[in-house]
Amino acid sequence: MAGYIVAHIQITDPTAFEAYRAAVPAIIESFGGRYLVRGGELDMKEGTWAEPRLIVLEFPSTERAREFYDSAAYREILPLRLAASSGTLAIVEGFS
């Protein structure tokens, strides 16, 4: 069953965030992941959204999503994202 990483973020330093944005796609792909949503325009219909940017990544399983997040390669670039943005991130199991 697919696993997903869902993140809501606010980029606070666009220039610094570029280094993260350039490095992360190859790491995602190396764990079988792919972007489903990458910061497209939001059209809010109900409620409020805490952060303006939504990212949804799909992996073959939640295990692969966790392996990606916990990997040495991702841990190396994670400080770039944390320093240049704020928000939330969760790993969630898909529905079959």
PDB file of N, CA and C in Angstrom:
ATOM      1  N   MET A   1       0.839  -1.173   0.000  1.00  0.00           N
ATOM      2  CA  MET A   1       0.000   0.000   0.000  1.00  0.00           C
ATOM      3  C   MET A   1       0.886   1.238   0.000  1.00  0.00           C
ATOM      4  N   ALA A   2       0.512   2.227  -0.783  1.00  0.00           N
ATOM      5  CA  ALA A   2       1.307   3.444  -0.900  1.00  0.00           C
ATOM      6  C   ALA A   2       1.379   4.182   0.430  1.00  0.00           C
ATOM      7  N   GLY A   3       2.454   4.903   0.595  1.00  0.00           N
ATOM      8  CA  GLY A   3       2.640   5.782   1.741  1.00  0.00           C
ATOM      9  C   GLY A   3       2.871   7.188   1.233  1.00  0.00           C
ATOM     10  N   TYR A   4       2.461   8.153   2.006  1.00  0.00           N
ATOM     11  CA  TYR A   4       2.536   9.542   1.575  1.00  0.00           C
ATOM     12  C   TYR A   4       3.219  10.402   2.628  1.00  0.00           C
ATOM     13  N   ILE A   5       3.931  11.386   2.153  1.00  0.00           N
ATOM     14  CA  ILE A   5       4.421  12.453   3.011  1.00  0.00           C
ATOM     15  C   ILE A   5       3.632  13.685   2.616  1.00  0.00           C
ATOM     16  N   VAL A   6       2.993  14.296   3.618  1.00  0.00           N
ATOM     17  CA  VAL A   6       2.201  15.503   3.405  1.00  0.00           C
ATOM     18  C   VAL A   6       2.831  16.602   4.249  1.00  0.00           C
ATOM     19  N   ALA A   7       3.173  17.695   3.595  1.00  0.00           N
ATOM     20  CA  ALA A   7       3.799  18.811   4.308  1.00  0.00           C
ATOM     21  C   ALA A   7       3.077  20.105   3.971  1.00  0.00           C
ATOM     22  N   HIS A   8       2.913  20.941   4.975  1.00  0.00           N
ATOM     23  CA  HIS A   8       2.394  22.300   4.818  1.00  0.00           C
ATOM     24  C   HIS A   8       3.533  23.200   5.261  1.00  0.00           C
ATOM     25  N   ILE A   9       4.014  24.042   4.370  1.00  0.00           N
ATOM     26  CA  ILE A   9       5.143  24.883   4.767  1.00  0.00           C
ATOM     27  C   ILE A   9       4.964  26.329   4.329  1.00  0.00           C
ATOM     28  N   GLN A  10       5.684  27.174   5.021  1.00  0.00           N
ATOM     29  CA  GLN A  10       5.824  28.591   4.692  1.00  0.00           C
ATOM     30  C   GLN A  10       7.309  28.810   4.454  1.00  0.00           C
ATOM     31  N   ILE A  11       7.670  29.195   3.264  1.00  0.00           N
ATOM     32  CA  ILE A  11       9.078  29.479   2.970  1.00  0.00           C
ATOM     33  C   ILE A  11       9.391  30.860   3.531  1.00  0.00           C
ATOM     34  N   THR A  12      10.355  30.918   4.433  1.00  0.00           N
ATOM     35  CA  THR A  12      10.714  32.174   5.086  1.00  0.00           C
ATOM     36  C   THR A  12      11.964  32.812   4.488  1.00  0.00           C
ATOM     37  N   ASP A  13      12.763  32.005   3.784  1.00  0.00           N
ATOM     38  CA  ASP A  13      13.973  32.513   3.127  1.00  0.00           C
ATOM     39  C   ASP A  13      14.080  31.845   1.758  1.00  0.00           C
ATOM     40  N   PRO A  14      13.447  32.428   0.731  1.00  0.00           N
ATOM     41  CA  PRO A  14      13.423  31.804  -0.594  1.00  0.00           C
ATOM     42  C   PRO A  14      14.804  31.526  -1.181  1.00  0.00           C
ATOM     43  N   THR A  15      15.739  32.405  -0.951  1.00  0.00           N
ATOM     44  CA  THR A  15      17.084  32.200  -1.501  1.00  0.00           C
ATOM     45  C   THR A  15      17.736  30.969  -0.885  1.00  0.00           C
ATOM     46  N   ALA A  16      17.685  30.853   0.425  1.00  0.00           N
ATOM     47  CA  ALA A  16      18.271  29.696   1.107  1.00  0.00           C
ATOM     48  C   ALA A  16      17.504  28.413   0.773  1.00  0.00           C
ATOM     49  N   PHE A  17      16.209  28.511   0.562  1.00  0.00           N
ATOM     50  CA  PHE A  17      15.386  27.333   0.264  1.00  0.00           C
ATOM     51  C   PHE A  17      15.766  26.710  -1.073  1.00  0.00           C
ATOM     52  N   GLU A  18      16.318  27.501  -1.993  1.00  0.00           N
ATOM     53  CA  GLU A  18      16.671  26.993  -3.325  1.00  0.00           C
ATOM     54  C   GLU A  18      17.662  25.836  -3.268  1.00  0.00           C
ATOM     55  N   ALA A  19      18.593  25.845  -2.339  1.00  0.00           N
ATOM     56  CA  ALA A  19      19.557  24.746  -2.221  1.00  0.00           C
ATOM     57  C   ALA A  19      18.846  23.453  -1.860  1.00  0.00           C
ATOM     58  N   TYR A  20      17.863  23.529  -0.971  1.00  0.00           N
ATOM     59  CA  TYR A  20      17.069  22.353  -0.609  1.00  0.00           C
ATOM     60  C   TYR A  20      16.242  21.886  -1.801  1.00  0.00           C
ATOM     61  N   ARG A  21      15.563  22.813  -2.445  1.00  0.00           N
ATOM     62  CA  ARG A  21      14.700  22.495  -3.588  1.00  0.00           C
ATOM     63  C   ARG A  21      15.489  21.814  -4.712  1.00  0.00           C
ATOM     64  N   ALA A  22      16.723  22.206  -4.909  1.00  0.00           N
ATOM     65  CA  ALA A  22      17.554  21.610  -5.959  1.00  0.00           C
ATOM     66  C   ALA A  22      18.012  20.201  -5.595  1.00  0.00           C
ATOM     67  N   ALA A  23      18.246  19.947  -4.316  1.00  0.00           N
ATOM     68  CA  ALA A  23      18.822  18.671  -3.889  1.00  0.00           C
ATOM     69  C   ALA A  23      17.798  17.576  -3.613  1.00  0.00           C
ATOM     70  N   VAL A  24      16.597  17.918  -3.179  1.00  0.00           N
ATOM     71  CA  VAL A  24      15.672  16.910  -2.666  1.00  0.00           C
ATOM     72  C   VAL A  24      15.046  15.994  -3.728  1.00  0.00           C
ATOM     73  N   PRO A  25      14.745  16.431  -4.953  1.00  0.00           N
ATOM     74  CA  PRO A  25      14.076  15.520  -5.890  1.00  0.00           C
ATOM     75  C   PRO A  25      14.835  14.219  -6.153  1.00  0.00           C
ATOM     76  N   ALA A  26      16.130  14.276  -6.314  1.00  0.00           N
ATOM     77  CA  ALA A  26      16.908  13.061  -6.582  1.00  0.00           C
ATOM     78  C   ALA A  26      16.851  12.097  -5.401  1.00  0.00           C
ATOM     79  N   ILE A  27      16.830  12.617  -4.187  1.00  0.00           N
ATOM     80  CA  ILE A  27      16.750  11.759  -3.007  1.00  0.00           C
ATOM     81  C   ILE A  27      15.368  11.110  -2.937  1.00  0.00           C
ATOM     82  N   ILE A  28      14.330  11.884  -3.191  1.00  0.00           N
ATOM     83  CA  ILE A  28      12.965  11.341  -3.214  1.00  0.00           C
ATOM     84  C   ILE A  28      12.884  10.194  -4.223  1.00  0.00           C
ATOM     85  N   GLU A  29      13.368  10.436  -5.429  1.00  0.00           N
ATOM     86  CA  GLU A  29      13.324   9.417  -6.488  1.00  0.00           C
ATOM     87  C   GLU A  29      14.107   8.167  -6.116  1.00  0.00           C
ATOM     88  N   SER A  30      15.207   8.324  -5.400  1.00  0.00           N
ATOM     89  CA  SER A  30      16.025   7.162  -5.041  1.00  0.00           C
ATOM     90  C   SER A  30      15.304   6.212  -4.086  1.00  0.00           C
ATOM     91  N   PHE A  31      14.246   6.696  -3.426  1.00  0.00           N
ATOM     92  CA  PHE A  31      13.438   5.856  -2.541  1.00  0.00           C
ATOM     93  C   PHE A  31      12.103   5.473  -3.187  1.00  0.00           C
ATOM     94  N   GLY A  32      12.009   5.662  -4.493  1.00  0.00           N
ATOM     95  CA  GLY A  32      10.797   5.299  -5.226  1.00  0.00           C
ATOM     96  C   GLY A  32       9.681   6.308  -5.080  1.00  0.00           C
ATOM     97  N   GLY A  33       9.991   7.498  -4.599  1.00  0.00           N
ATOM     98  CA  GLY A  33       8.970   8.514  -4.383  1.00  0.00           C
ATOM     99  C   GLY A  33       8.800   9.432  -5.571  1.00  0.00           C
ATOM    100  N   ARG A  34       7.663  10.133  -5.552  1.00  0.00           N
ATOM    101  CA  ARG A  34       7.391  11.116  -6.591  1.00  0.00           C
ATOM    102  C   ARG A  34       6.462  12.183  -6.027  1.00  0.00           C
ATOM    103  N   TYR A  35       6.569  13.367  -6.607  1.00  0.00           N
ATOM    104  CA  TYR A  35       5.683  14.458  -6.217  1.00  0.00           C
ATOM    105  C   TYR A  35       4.302  14.242  -6.816  1.00  0.00           C
ATOM    106  N   LEU A  36       3.267  14.411  -6.006  1.00  0.00           N
ATOM    107  CA  LEU A  36       1.894  14.497  -6.492  1.00  0.00           C
ATOM    108  C   LEU A  36       1.438  15.949  -6.483  1.00  0.00           C
ATOM    109  N   VAL A  37       1.873  16.681  -5.462  1.00  0.00           N
ATOM    110  CA  VAL A  37       1.580  18.110  -5.332  1.00  0.00           C
ATOM    111  C   VAL A  37       2.865  18.777  -4.882  1.00  0.00           C
ATOM    112  N   ARG A  38       3.202  19.880  -5.540  1.00  0.00           N
ATOM    113  CA  ARG A  38       4.428  20.592  -5.169  1.00  0.00           C
ATOM    114  C   ARG A  38       4.189  22.095  -5.191  1.00  0.00           C
ATOM    115  N   GLY A  39       3.418  22.552  -4.206  1.00  0.00           N
ATOM    116  CA  GLY A  39       3.259  23.991  -4.029  1.00  0.00           C
ATOM    117  C   GLY A  39       2.373  24.692  -5.036  1.00  0.00           C
ATOM    118  N   GLY A  40       1.440  23.983  -5.650  1.00  0.00           N
ATOM    119  CA  GLY A  40       0.530  24.633  -6.586  1.00  0.00           C
ATOM    120  C   GLY A  40      -0.409  25.599  -5.887  1.00  0.00           C
ATOM    121  N   GLU A  41      -1.132  26.360  -6.676  1.00  0.00           N
ATOM    122  CA  GLU A  41      -2.071  27.337  -6.135  1.00  0.00           C
ATOM    123  C   GLU A  41      -3.177  26.640  -5.350  1.00  0.00           C
ATOM    124  N   LEU A  42      -3.458  27.153  -4.168  1.00  0.00           N
ATOM    125  CA  LEU A  42      -4.522  26.634  -3.317  1.00  0.00           C
ATOM    126  C   LEU A  42      -5.792  27.458  -3.511  1.00  0.00           C
ATOM    127  N   ASP A  43      -6.906  26.797  -3.646  1.00  0.00           N
ATOM    128  CA  ASP A  43      -8.211  27.447  -3.735  1.00  0.00           C
ATOM    129  C   ASP A  43      -9.014  26.980  -2.531  1.00  0.00           C
ATOM    130  N   MET A  44      -8.874  27.679  -1.412  1.00  0.00           N
ATOM    131  CA  MET A  44      -9.520  27.276  -0.166  1.00  0.00           C
ATOM    132  C   MET A  44     -11.032  27.393  -0.289  1.00  0.00           C
ATOM    133  N   LYS A  45     -11.736  26.328   0.066  1.00  0.00           N
ATOM    134  CA  LYS A  45     -13.191  26.302   0.022  1.00  0.00           C
ATOM    135  C   LYS A  45     -13.811  26.280   1.410  1.00  0.00           C
ATOM    136  N   GLU A  46     -13.088  25.711   2.381  1.00  0.00           N
ATOM    137  CA  GLU A  46     -13.603  25.630   3.742  1.00  0.00           C
ATOM    138  C   GLU A  46     -12.460  25.814   4.725  1.00  0.00           C
ATOM    139  N   GLY A  47     -12.741  26.449   5.825  1.00  0.00           N
ATOM    140  CA  GLY A  47     -11.759  26.584   6.891  1.00  0.00           C
ATOM    141  C   GLY A  47     -10.598  27.489   6.522  1.00  0.00           C
ATOM    142  N   THR A  48      -9.543  27.367   7.315  1.00  0.00           N
ATOM    143  CA  THR A  48      -8.342  28.154   7.095  1.00  0.00           C
ATOM    144  C   THR A  48      -7.158  27.214   6.940  1.00  0.00           C
ATOM    145  N   TRP A  49      -6.163  27.653   6.248  1.00  0.00           N
ATOM    146  CA  TRP A  49      -4.964  26.873   5.978  1.00  0.00           C
ATOM    147  C   TRP A  49      -3.818  27.560   6.695  1.00  0.00           C
ATOM    148  N   ALA A  50      -3.138  26.831   7.555  1.00  0.00           N
ATOM    149  CA  ALA A  50      -2.088  27.436   8.374  1.00  0.00           C
ATOM    150  C   ALA A  50      -0.881  27.885   7.553  1.00  0.00           C
ATOM    151  N   GLU A  51      -0.513  27.115   6.552  1.00  0.00           N
ATOM    152  CA  GLU A  51       0.670  27.424   5.740  1.00  0.00           C
ATOM    153  C   GLU A  51       0.254  27.470   4.269  1.00  0.00           C
ATOM    154  N   PRO A  52       0.849  28.360   3.484  1.00  0.00           N
ATOM    155  CA  PRO A  52       0.384  28.543   2.105  1.00  0.00           C
ATOM    156  C   PRO A  52       0.872  27.511   1.088  1.00  0.00           C
ATOM    157  N   ARG A  53       1.832  26.678   1.441  1.00  0.00           N
ATOM    158  CA  ARG A  53       2.410  25.754   0.467  1.00  0.00           C
ATOM    159  C   ARG A  53       2.122  24.320   0.897  1.00  0.00           C
ATOM    160  N   LEU A  54       1.595  23.511  -0.028  1.00  0.00           N
ATOM    161  CA  LEU A  54       1.268  22.113   0.231  1.00  0.00           C
ATOM    162  C   LEU A  54       2.140  21.229  -0.646  1.00  0.00           C
ATOM    163  N   ILE A  55       2.721  20.198  -0.043  1.00  0.00           N
ATOM    164  CA  ILE A  55       3.525  19.214  -0.762  1.00  0.00           C
ATOM    165  C   ILE A  55       2.985  17.837  -0.417  1.00  0.00           C
ATOM    166  N   VAL A  56       2.753  17.016  -1.427  1.00  0.00           N
ATOM    167  CA  VAL A  56       2.341  15.634  -1.226  1.00  0.00           C
ATOM    168  C   VAL A  56       3.288  14.761  -2.039  1.00  0.00           C
ATOM    169  N   LEU A  57       3.970  13.859  -1.342  1.00  0.00           N
ATOM    170  CA  LEU A  57       4.867  12.899  -1.975  1.00  0.00           C
ATOM    171  C   LEU A  57       4.268  11.519  -1.850  1.00  0.00           C
ATOM    172  N   GLU A  58       4.376  10.727  -2.898  1.00  0.00           N
ATOM    173  CA  GLU A  58       3.895   9.348  -2.857  1.00  0.00           C
ATOM    174  C   GLU A  58       5.089   8.404  -2.923  1.00  0.00           C
ATOM    175  N   PHE A  59       5.082   7.397  -2.057  1.00  0.00           N
ATOM    176  CA  PHE A  59       6.103   6.356  -2.015  1.00  0.00           C
ATOM    177  C   PHE A  59       5.415   5.006  -2.144  1.00  0.00           C
ATOM    178  N   PRO A  60       6.157   3.963  -2.515  1.00  0.00           N
ATOM    179  CA  PRO A  60       5.546   2.635  -2.645  1.00  0.00           C
ATOM    180  C   PRO A  60       4.901   2.138  -1.349  1.00  0.00           C
ATOM    181  N   SER A  61       5.384   2.617  -0.206  1.00  0.00           N
ATOM    182  CA  SER A  61       4.860   2.187   1.096  1.00  0.00           C
ATOM    183  C   SER A  61       5.231   3.226   2.146  1.00  0.00           C
ATOM    184  N   THR A  62       4.583   3.140   3.315  1.00  0.00           N
ATOM    185  CA  THR A  62       4.967   4.032   4.406  1.00  0.00           C
ATOM    186  C   THR A  62       6.386   3.723   4.874  1.00  0.00           C
ATOM    187  N   GLU A  63       6.782   2.454   4.763  1.00  0.00           N
ATOM    188  CA  GLU A  63       8.150   2.091   5.136  1.00  0.00           C
ATOM    189  C   GLU A  63       9.166   2.842   4.275  1.00  0.00           C
ATOM    190  N   ARG A  64       8.906   2.909   2.955  1.00  0.00           N
ATOM    191  CA  ARG A  64       9.831   3.626   2.065  1.00  0.00           C
ATOM    192  C   ARG A  64       9.814   5.126   2.366  1.00  0.00           C
ATOM    193  N   ALA A  65       8.646   5.661   2.702  1.00  0.00           N
ATOM    194  CA  ALA A  65       8.570   7.080   3.067  1.00  0.00           C
ATOM    195  C   ALA A  65       9.409   7.346   4.315  1.00  0.00           C
ATOM    196  N   ARG A  66       9.307   6.462   5.301  1.00  0.00           N
ATOM    197  CA  ARG A  66      10.112   6.616   6.528  1.00  0.00           C
ATOM    198  C   ARG A  66      11.598   6.446   6.228  1.00  0.00           C
ATOM    199  N   GLU A  67      11.939   5.490   5.371  1.00  0.00           N
ATOM    200  CA  GLU A  67      13.341   5.291   5.000  1.00  0.00           C
ATOM    201  C   GLU A  67      13.895   6.542   4.330  1.00  0.00           C
ATOM    202  N   PHE A  68      13.099   7.156   3.462  1.00  0.00           N
ATOM    203  CA  PHE A  68      13.517   8.416   2.835  1.00  0.00           C
ATOM    204  C   PHE A  68      13.779   9.463   3.906  1.00  0.00           C
ATOM    205  N   TYR A  69      12.786   9.694   4.777  1.00  0.00           N
ATOM    206  CA  TYR A  69      12.902  10.762   5.772  1.00  0.00           C
ATOM    207  C   TYR A  69      14.072  10.527   6.719  1.00  0.00           C
ATOM    208  N   ASP A  70      14.313   9.287   7.088  1.00  0.00           N
ATOM    209  CA  ASP A  70      15.373   8.957   8.033  1.00  0.00           C
ATOM    210  C   ASP A  70      16.732   8.717   7.385  1.00  0.00           C
ATOM    211  N   SER A  71      16.803   8.787   6.064  1.00  0.00           N
ATOM    212  CA  SER A  71      18.049   8.466   5.364  1.00  0.00           C
ATOM    213  C   SER A  71      19.141   9.502   5.634  1.00  0.00           C
ATOM    214  N   ALA A  72      20.373   9.048   5.519  1.00  0.00           N
ATOM    215  CA  ALA A  72      21.517   9.946   5.691  1.00  0.00           C
ATOM    216  C   ALA A  72      21.493  11.053   4.639  1.00  0.00           C
ATOM    217  N   ALA A  73      21.108  10.707   3.423  1.00  0.00           N
ATOM    218  CA  ALA A  73      21.070  11.705   2.350  1.00  0.00           C
ATOM    219  C   ALA A  73      20.071  12.812   2.655  1.00  0.00           C
ATOM    220  N   TYR A  74      18.879  12.446   3.149  1.00  0.00           N
ATOM    221  CA  TYR A  74      17.885  13.471   3.461  1.00  0.00           C
ATOM    222  C   TYR A  74      18.273  14.235   4.717  1.00  0.00           C
ATOM    223  N   ARG A  75      18.786  13.551   5.711  1.00  0.00           N
ATOM    224  CA  ARG A  75      19.197  14.220   6.958  1.00  0.00           C
ATOM    225  C   ARG A  75      20.286  15.259   6.691  1.00  0.00           C
ATOM    226  N   GLU A  76      21.067  15.040   5.625  1.00  0.00           N
ATOM    227  CA  GLU A  76      22.112  15.987   5.280  1.00  0.00           C
ATOM    228  C   GLU A  76      21.533  17.313   4.776  1.00  0.00           C
ATOM    229  N   ILE A  77      20.417  17.255   4.029  1.00  0.00           N
ATOM    230  CA  ILE A  77      19.850  18.492   3.492  1.00  0.00           C
ATOM    231  C   ILE A  77      18.686  19.036   4.327  1.00  0.00           C
ATOM    232  N   LEU A  78      18.149  18.253   5.244  1.00  0.00           N
ATOM    233  CA  LEU A  78      17.017  18.693   6.064  1.00  0.00           C
ATOM    234  C   LEU A  78      17.286  20.024   6.771  1.00  0.00           C
ATOM    235  N   PRO A  79      18.475  20.269   7.311  1.00  0.00           N
ATOM    236  CA  PRO A  79      18.712  21.562   7.955  1.00  0.00           C
ATOM    237  C   PRO A  79      18.504  22.754   7.015  1.00  0.00           C
ATOM    238  N   LEU A  80      18.703  22.551   5.714  1.00  0.00           N
ATOM    239  CA  LEU A  80      18.459  23.627   4.753  1.00  0.00           C
ATOM    240  C   LEU A  80      16.982  24.014   4.759  1.00  0.00           C
ATOM    241  N   ARG A  81      16.101  23.000   4.745  1.00  0.00           N
ATOM    242  CA  ARG A  81      14.658  23.279   4.761  1.00  0.00           C
ATOM    243  C   ARG A  81      14.232  23.891   6.086  1.00  0.00           C
ATOM    244  N   LEU A  82      14.714  23.324   7.172  1.00  0.00           N
ATOM    245  CA  LEU A  82      14.323  23.815   8.489  1.00  0.00           C
ATOM    246  C   LEU A  82      14.760  25.264   8.725  1.00  0.00           C
ATOM    247  N   ALA A  83      15.900  25.641   8.174  1.00  0.00           N
ATOM    248  CA  ALA A  83      16.391  27.007   8.341  1.00  0.00           C
ATOM    249  C   ALA A  83      15.662  28.001   7.448  1.00  0.00           C
ATOM    250  N   ALA A  84      15.082  27.517   6.343  1.00  0.00           N
ATOM    251  CA  ALA A  84      14.483  28.414   5.352  1.00  0.00           C
ATOM    252  C   ALA A  84      12.964  28.353   5.304  1.00  0.00           C
ATOM    253  N   SER A  85      12.353  27.571   6.202  1.00  0.00           N
ATOM    254  CA  SER A  85      10.891  27.444   6.186  1.00  0.00           C
ATOM    255  C   SER A  85      10.380  27.023   7.559  1.00  0.00           C
ATOM    256  N   SER A  86       9.073  27.114   7.709  1.00  0.00           N
ATOM    257  CA  SER A  86       8.407  26.587   8.899  1.00  0.00           C
ATOM    258  C   SER A  86       7.200  25.799   8.428  1.00  0.00           C
ATOM    259  N   GLY A  87       6.691  24.928   9.279  1.00  0.00           N
ATOM    260  CA  GLY A  87       5.507  24.173   8.894  1.00  0.00           C
ATOM    261  C   GLY A  87       5.382  22.843   9.587  1.00  0.00           C
ATOM    262  N   THR A  88       4.611  21.958   8.963  1.00  0.00           N
ATOM    263  CA  THR A  88       4.356  20.641   9.506  1.00  0.00           C
ATOM    264  C   THR A  88       4.567  19.585   8.438  1.00  0.00           C
ATOM    265  N   LEU A  89       4.846  18.349   8.872  1.00  0.00           N
ATOM    266  CA  LEU A  89       5.078  17.241   7.956  1.00  0.00           C
ATOM    267  C   LEU A  89       4.605  15.965   8.635  1.00  0.00           C
ATOM    268  N   ALA A  90       3.922  15.111   7.863  1.00  0.00           N
ATOM    269  CA  ALA A  90       3.445  13.830   8.394  1.00  0.00           C
ATOM    270  C   ALA A  90       3.617  12.754   7.340  1.00  0.00           C
ATOM    271  N   ILE A  91       3.797  11.528   7.812  1.00  0.00           N
ATOM    272  CA  ILE A  91       3.789  10.348   6.949  1.00  0.00           C
ATOM    273  C   ILE A  91       2.477   9.652   7.216  1.00  0.00           C
ATOM    274  N   VAL A  92       1.760   9.318   6.136  1.00  0.00           N
ATOM    275  CA  VAL A  92       0.439   8.714   6.279  1.00  0.00           C
ATOM    276  C   VAL A  92       0.293   7.551   5.310  1.00  0.00           C
ATOM    277  N   GLU A  93      -0.394   6.518   5.786  1.00  0.00           N
ATOM    278  CA  GLU A  93      -0.654   5.346   4.967  1.00  0.00           C
ATOM    279  C   GLU A  93      -1.783   5.634   3.997  1.00  0.00           C
ATOM    280  N   GLY A  94      -1.631   5.143   2.773  1.00  0.00           N
ATOM    281  CA  GLY A  94      -2.669   5.318   1.763  1.00  0.00           C
ATOM    282  C   GLY A  94      -3.861   4.414   2.029  1.00  0.00           C
ATOM    283  N   PHE A  95      -4.878   4.568   1.216  1.00  0.00           N
ATOM    284  CA  PHE A  95      -6.121   3.822   1.324  1.00  0.00           C
ATOM    285  C   PHE A  95      -6.246   2.920   0.119  1.00  0.00           C
ATOM    286  N   SER A  96      -6.624   1.676   0.374  1.00  0.00           N
ATOM    287  CA  SER A  96      -6.805   0.775  -0.766  1.00  0.00           C
ATOM    288  C   SER A  96      -8.234   0.336  -0.892  1.00  0.00           C
TER     289      SER A  96
END
